[in-house]
Protein backbone atom coordinates (compact mmCIF):
# COMPACT_ATOMS: atom_id res chain seq x y z
CA UNK A 1 -39.46 -10.24 -34.64
CA UNK A 2 -37.71 -12.95 -36.58
CA UNK A 3 -38.88 -16.48 -37.16
CA UNK A 4 -37.87 -19.16 -34.67
CA UNK A 5 -36.35 -22.49 -35.68
CA UNK A 6 -37.43 -25.48 -33.59
CA UNK A 7 -35.90 -28.96 -33.67
CA UNK A 8 -38.72 -31.48 -33.13
CA UNK A 9 -36.43 -34.40 -32.21
CA UNK A 10 -35.94 -33.48 -28.51
CA UNK A 11 -39.54 -32.31 -28.18
CA UNK A 12 -41.67 -34.98 -29.76
CA UNK A 13 -39.19 -37.55 -31.08
CA UNK A 14 -39.72 -36.69 -34.75
CA UNK A 15 -36.60 -35.98 -36.80
CA UNK A 16 -37.63 -32.69 -38.41
CA UNK A 17 -37.04 -28.97 -37.95
CA UNK A 18 -39.69 -26.29 -38.35
CA UNK A 19 -39.83 -22.52 -38.44
CA UNK A 20 -42.46 -20.63 -36.42
CA UNK A 21 -43.32 -16.94 -36.52
CA UNK A 22 -44.14 -15.78 -32.97
CA UNK A 23 -47.21 -13.73 -33.92
CA UNK A 24 -49.46 -11.82 -31.54
CA UNK A 25 -52.22 -14.39 -32.08
CA UNK A 26 -49.86 -17.23 -31.19
CA UNK A 27 -48.78 -15.41 -28.02
CA UNK A 28 -52.40 -14.72 -27.05
CA UNK A 29 -53.25 -18.37 -27.60
CA UNK A 30 -50.30 -19.39 -25.41
CA UNK A 31 -51.47 -17.00 -22.67
CA UNK A 32 -55.05 -18.34 -22.86
CA UNK A 33 -53.68 -21.85 -22.56
CA UNK A 34 -51.55 -20.85 -19.56
CA UNK A 35 -54.64 -19.36 -17.89
CA UNK A 36 -56.59 -22.57 -18.55
CA UNK A 37 -53.84 -24.68 -17.02
CA UNK A 38 -53.56 -22.36 -14.04
CA UNK A 39 -57.28 -22.61 -13.38
CA UNK A 40 -56.95 -26.41 -13.41
CA UNK A 41 -54.10 -26.48 -10.92
CA UNK A 42 -55.52 -23.93 -8.49
CA UNK A 43 -57.99 -25.27 -5.97
CA UNK A 44 -61.42 -25.12 -7.52
CA UNK A 45 -64.74 -26.30 -6.13
CA UNK A 46 -65.96 -28.34 -9.08
CA UNK A 47 -67.63 -31.71 -8.65
CA UNK A 48 -65.55 -34.75 -9.48
CA UNK A 49 -67.22 -35.26 -12.87
CA UNK A 50 -66.94 -31.57 -13.77
CA UNK A 51 -63.31 -31.62 -12.73
CA UNK A 52 -62.59 -34.66 -14.93
CA UNK A 53 -64.30 -33.04 -17.92
CA UNK A 54 -62.53 -29.76 -17.33
CA UNK A 55 -59.15 -31.48 -17.02
CA UNK A 56 -59.75 -33.46 -20.21
CA UNK A 57 -60.71 -30.28 -22.08
CA UNK A 58 -57.59 -28.48 -20.85
CA UNK A 59 -55.36 -31.40 -21.83
CA UNK A 60 -56.98 -31.64 -25.27
CA UNK A 61 -56.45 -27.91 -25.73
CA UNK A 62 -52.77 -28.32 -24.81
CA UNK A 63 -52.32 -31.15 -27.33
CA UNK A 64 -54.12 -29.17 -30.05
CA UNK A 65 -51.86 -26.18 -29.39
CA UNK A 66 -48.72 -28.36 -29.59
CA UNK A 67 -49.90 -29.92 -32.86
CA UNK A 68 -50.73 -26.52 -34.36
CA UNK A 69 -47.52 -24.76 -33.35
CA UNK A 70 -45.21 -27.64 -34.26
CA UNK A 71 -47.13 -28.29 -37.49
CA UNK A 72 -47.49 -32.00 -36.72
CA UNK A 73 -49.55 -34.25 -38.96
CA UNK A 74 -52.23 -36.40 -37.33
CA UNK A 75 -49.93 -39.42 -37.70
CA UNK A 76 -47.04 -37.57 -36.01
CA UNK A 77 -49.36 -36.40 -33.24
CA UNK A 78 -50.59 -39.96 -32.68
CA UNK A 79 -46.95 -41.06 -32.38
CA UNK A 80 -46.32 -38.32 -29.81
CA UNK A 81 -49.45 -39.24 -27.80
CA UNK A 82 -48.57 -42.95 -27.80
CA UNK A 83 -44.95 -42.40 -26.75
CA UNK A 84 -45.26 -39.60 -24.21
CA UNK A 85 -46.40 -39.04 -20.65
CA UNK A 86 -48.45 -36.11 -19.32
CA UNK A 87 -45.22 -34.72 -17.87
CA UNK A 88 -43.68 -34.76 -21.36
CA UNK A 89 -46.65 -32.78 -22.70
CA UNK A 90 -46.06 -30.18 -20.01
CA UNK A 91 -42.36 -30.08 -20.84
CA UNK A 92 -43.01 -29.62 -24.56
CA UNK A 93 -45.59 -26.93 -23.88
CA UNK A 94 -43.20 -25.13 -21.55
CA UNK A 95 -40.43 -25.17 -24.14
CA UNK A 96 -42.76 -23.85 -26.86
CA UNK A 97 -43.95 -20.98 -24.65
CA UNK A 98 -40.35 -20.09 -23.73
CA UNK A 99 -39.38 -19.95 -27.40
CA UNK A 100 -42.45 -17.90 -28.32
CA UNK A 101 -41.59 -15.43 -25.56
CA UNK A 102 -38.17 -14.93 -27.16
CA UNK A 103 -35.90 -17.18 -25.10
CA UNK A 104 -33.00 -18.38 -27.23
CA UNK A 105 -32.93 -22.14 -28.00
CA UNK A 106 -29.71 -22.76 -26.05
CA UNK A 107 -31.24 -21.33 -22.87
CA UNK A 108 -34.40 -23.40 -23.42
CA UNK A 109 -32.28 -26.57 -23.66
CA UNK A 110 -30.29 -25.66 -20.52
CA UNK A 111 -33.49 -25.06 -18.54
CA UNK A 112 -34.97 -28.34 -19.83
CA UNK A 113 -31.85 -30.32 -18.86
CA UNK A 114 -31.81 -28.74 -15.40
CA UNK A 115 -35.51 -29.55 -14.92
CA UNK A 116 -34.94 -33.13 -16.09
CA UNK A 117 -32.09 -33.59 -13.59
CA UNK A 118 -34.25 -32.18 -10.79
CA UNK A 119 -37.08 -34.57 -11.67
CA UNK A 120 -34.69 -37.54 -11.63
CA UNK A 121 -33.29 -36.49 -8.25
CA UNK A 122 -36.80 -36.12 -6.80
CA UNK A 123 -37.90 -39.50 -8.10
CA UNK A 124 -35.02 -41.40 -6.47
CA UNK A 125 -35.74 -43.23 -3.22
CA UNK A 126 -33.92 -41.34 -0.43
CA UNK A 127 -33.41 -44.62 1.49
CA UNK A 128 -31.12 -46.02 -1.19
């Protein structure tokens, strides 16, 4: 499999391009992360405090994965964390996983634009 070029500007707002090799270990890490996120979103019977700790751990794992894959410095990661929402983290993670799975960058951008338009439409007040 060939290396994948990723433009960081639309993902994390940093004007840089990187190259990532979609290795087996990277794919396994992405699958583990997906399983962690899925376990958070499915109805579980944890106490409130356990649920908060579990959610924080999952979110930290997601941010660590993004930093590792995109090869972001701590300063760049701080910029991303200070200028992004949780939804943006999910969007970035989704794009990374799509690219790792072999989806071409043009298709990833089309899917992201479509998702963004759907989110805007859902957030509008239907009474207006």
